[in-house]
Amino acid sequence: MALHFSIFRLRKKSLLRGTILALGSMASAFRFSGFPEVRKSLWLLIPFLVTCFATFDTARCLEKRWTFYHGAVLLLVYVDLMVLLMISFFLLAPYSGAFF
C-alpha cells in the first residue's frame, strides 16, 4: 500500500513537513554544536541547509490574499528564520573567538 500523505511528496505543499524539518534541524544543531559549550563543527552546515529548505517549503504555503491561515504561515516562516539564525550563530560564533 502506497503512502498518500502530502508530507512525503516534495512537490506538494506541506506546513507539517517544513515545521518538522526546522525543529528537527534545531535539535540536531544543539547536538552537533555541543551546547552549552559551543565548539567548532562543520557538521552544522547540514542542519543549516535543511532549515533553508524547510523555510522555503513553509513559504510555499503562503496565499495571495490575507487570511488567518496566511498569518499563521507567516508566523511559521518567522519561526523558521529564528531557527536559521540560531544555527548560523552556532556555526559562526566559535570561529570569531569573541564569545568563548
C-alpha atoms as a PDB file:
ATOM      1  CA  MET A   1       0.000   0.000   0.000  1.00  0.00           C
ATOM      2  CA  ALA A   2       1.462   3.338  -1.026  1.00  0.00           C
ATOM      3  CA  LEU A   3       1.579   6.269   1.369  1.00  0.00           C
ATOM      4  CA  HIS A   4      -0.651   9.092   0.174  1.00  0.00           C
ATOM      5  CA  PHE A   5       0.339  11.725   2.714  1.00  0.00           C
ATOM      6  CA  SER A   6       1.445  15.068   1.323  1.00  0.00           C
ATOM      7  CA  ILE A   7       4.306  15.172   3.836  1.00  0.00           C
ATOM      8  CA  PHE A   8       6.177  12.587   1.773  1.00  0.00           C
ATOM      9  CA  ARG A   9       5.528  14.246  -1.598  1.00  0.00           C
ATOM     10  CA  LEU A  10       8.058  17.006  -2.171  1.00  0.00           C
ATOM     11  CA  ARG A  11       6.058  18.588  -4.994  1.00  0.00           C
ATOM     12  CA  LYS A  12       3.053  19.210  -2.749  1.00  0.00           C
ATOM     13  CA  LYS A  13       2.885  21.992  -0.181  1.00  0.00           C
ATOM     14  CA  SER A  14       3.104  20.860   3.436  1.00  0.00           C
ATOM     15  CA  LEU A  15       3.290  23.016   6.548  1.00  0.00           C
ATOM     16  CA  LEU A  16       3.925  19.998   8.717  1.00  0.00           C
ATOM     17  CA  ARG A  17       6.981  18.936   6.708  1.00  0.00           C
ATOM     18  CA  GLY A  18       8.568  22.392   6.940  1.00  0.00           C
ATOM     19  CA  THR A  19       7.923  22.685  10.658  1.00  0.00           C
ATOM     20  CA  ILE A  20       9.212  19.202  11.447  1.00  0.00           C
ATOM     21  CA  LEU A  21      12.344  19.756   9.359  1.00  0.00           C
ATOM     22  CA  ALA A  22      13.090  23.106  11.014  1.00  0.00           C
ATOM     23  CA  LEU A  23      12.579  21.878  14.575  1.00  0.00           C
ATOM     24  CA  GLY A  24      14.485  18.666  13.884  1.00  0.00           C
ATOM     25  CA  SER A  25      17.346  20.701  12.446  1.00  0.00           C
ATOM     26  CA  MET A  26      17.403  22.858  15.552  1.00  0.00           C
ATOM     27  CA  ALA A  27      17.586  19.769  17.766  1.00  0.00           C
ATOM     28  CA  SER A  28      20.408  18.292  15.695  1.00  0.00           C
ATOM     29  CA  ALA A  29      22.242  21.653  15.720  1.00  0.00           C
ATOM     30  CA  PHE A  30      22.173  21.584  19.522  1.00  0.00           C
ATOM     31  CA  ARG A  31      23.722  18.116  19.427  1.00  0.00           C
ATOM     32  CA  PHE A  32      26.352  18.956  16.785  1.00  0.00           C
ATOM     33  CA  SER A  33      27.446  22.186  18.465  1.00  0.00           C
ATOM     34  CA  GLY A  34      27.836  20.659  21.925  1.00  0.00           C
ATOM     35  CA  PHE A  35      25.570  23.242  23.526  1.00  0.00           C
ATOM     36  CA  PRO A  36      26.044  24.906  26.100  1.00  0.00           C
ATOM     37  CA  GLU A  37      29.794  24.796  25.423  1.00  0.00           C
ATOM     38  CA  VAL A  38      29.633  25.590  21.730  1.00  0.00           C
ATOM     39  CA  ARG A  39      32.519  24.115  19.766  1.00  0.00           C
ATOM     40  CA  LYS A  40      33.625  24.342  16.148  1.00  0.00           C
ATOM     41  CA  SER A  41      31.830  21.886  13.900  1.00  0.00           C
ATOM     42  CA  LEU A  42      31.297  21.957  10.172  1.00  0.00           C
ATOM     43  CA  TRP A  43      28.562  19.337  10.605  1.00  0.00           C
ATOM     44  CA  LEU A  44      26.300  22.292  11.395  1.00  0.00           C
ATOM     45  CA  LEU A  45      26.140  23.017   7.668  1.00  0.00           C
ATOM     46  CA  ILE A  46      23.728  20.087   7.255  1.00  0.00           C
ATOM     47  CA  PRO A  47      21.067  21.457   9.670  1.00  0.00           C
ATOM     48  CA  PHE A  48      21.616  24.919   8.180  1.00  0.00           C
ATOM     49  CA  LEU A  49      20.843  23.715   4.657  1.00  0.00           C
ATOM     50  CA  VAL A  50      17.901  21.599   5.830  1.00  0.00           C
ATOM     51  CA  THR A  51      16.467  24.632   7.612  1.00  0.00           C
ATOM     52  CA  CYS A  52      16.875  26.703   4.440  1.00  0.00           C
ATOM     53  CA  PHE A  53      14.829  24.083   2.586  1.00  0.00           C
ATOM     54  CA  ALA A  54      12.267  23.996   5.409  1.00  0.00           C
ATOM     55  CA  THR A  55      11.870  27.781   5.282  1.00  0.00           C
ATOM     56  CA  PHE A  56      11.344  27.646   1.522  1.00  0.00           C
ATOM     57  CA  ASP A  57       8.860  24.801   1.941  1.00  0.00           C
ATOM     58  CA  THR A  58       6.902  26.749   4.551  1.00  0.00           C
ATOM     59  CA  ALA A  59       6.942  29.913   2.446  1.00  0.00           C
ATOM     60  CA  ARG A  60       5.403  27.998  -0.460  1.00  0.00           C
ATOM     61  CA  CYS A  61       2.226  27.658   1.606  1.00  0.00           C
ATOM     62  CA  LEU A  62       1.616  31.420   1.675  1.00  0.00           C
ATOM     63  CA  GLU A  63      -1.542  32.584  -0.081  1.00  0.00           C
ATOM     64  CA  LYS A  64      -2.046  35.729  -2.145  1.00  0.00           C
ATOM     65  CA  ARG A  65      -4.911  37.097  -0.042  1.00  0.00           C
ATOM     66  CA  TRP A  66      -4.648  37.885   3.651  1.00  0.00           C
ATOM     67  CA  THR A  67      -6.438  35.357   5.861  1.00  0.00           C
ATOM     68  CA  PHE A  68      -5.789  33.928   9.294  1.00  0.00           C
ATOM     69  CA  TYR A  69      -4.168  30.938   7.564  1.00  0.00           C
ATOM     70  CA  HIS A  70      -1.809  33.337   5.754  1.00  0.00           C
ATOM     71  CA  GLY A  71      -0.952  34.975   9.102  1.00  0.00           C
ATOM     72  CA  ALA A  72      -0.248  31.618  10.713  1.00  0.00           C
ATOM     73  CA  VAL A  73       2.009  30.581   7.826  1.00  0.00           C
ATOM     74  CA  LEU A  74       3.827  33.906   8.098  1.00  0.00           C
ATOM     75  CA  LEU A  75       4.356  33.235  11.800  1.00  0.00           C
ATOM     76  CA  LEU A  76       5.833  29.813  10.977  1.00  0.00           C
ATOM     77  CA  VAL A  77       8.155  31.417   8.420  1.00  0.00           C
ATOM     78  CA  TYR A  78       9.388  33.745  11.167  1.00  0.00           C
ATOM     79  CA  VAL A  79       9.958  30.737  13.436  1.00  0.00           C
ATOM     80  CA  ASP A  80      11.990  29.080  10.688  1.00  0.00           C
ATOM     81  CA  LEU A  81      14.044  32.251  10.257  1.00  0.00           C
ATOM     82  CA  MET A  82      14.764  32.352  14.002  1.00  0.00           C
ATOM     83  CA  VAL A  83      15.895  28.724  13.869  1.00  0.00           C
ATOM     84  CA  LEU A  84      18.091  29.614  10.888  1.00  0.00           C
ATOM     85  CA  LEU A  85      19.625  32.498  12.825  1.00  0.00           C
ATOM     86  CA  MET A  86      20.301  30.280  15.846  1.00  0.00           C
ATOM     87  CA  ILE A  87      22.008  27.632  13.728  1.00  0.00           C
ATOM     88  CA  SER A  88      24.102  30.250  11.943  1.00  0.00           C
ATOM     89  CA  PHE A  89      25.148  31.609  15.359  1.00  0.00           C
ATOM     90  CA  PHE A  90      26.207  28.105  16.432  1.00  0.00           C
ATOM     91  CA  LEU A  91      28.082  27.768  13.155  1.00  0.00           C
ATOM     92  CA  LEU A  92      29.925  31.111  13.142  1.00  0.00           C
ATOM     93  CA  ALA A  93      30.373  32.133  16.806  1.00  0.00           C
ATOM     94  CA  PRO A  94      33.174  29.673  17.677  1.00  0.00           C
ATOM     95  CA  TYR A  95      35.241  30.972  14.764  1.00  0.00           C
ATOM     96  CA  SER A  96      35.028  34.582  15.973  1.00  0.00           C
ATOM     97  CA  GLY A  97      36.645  33.914  19.338  1.00  0.00           C
ATOM     98  CA  ALA A  98      34.747  36.788  20.926  1.00  0.00           C
ATOM     99  CA  PHE A  99      32.298  34.720  22.961  1.00  0.00           C
ATOM    100  CA  PHE A 100      34.373  31.780  24.107  1.00  0.00           C
END
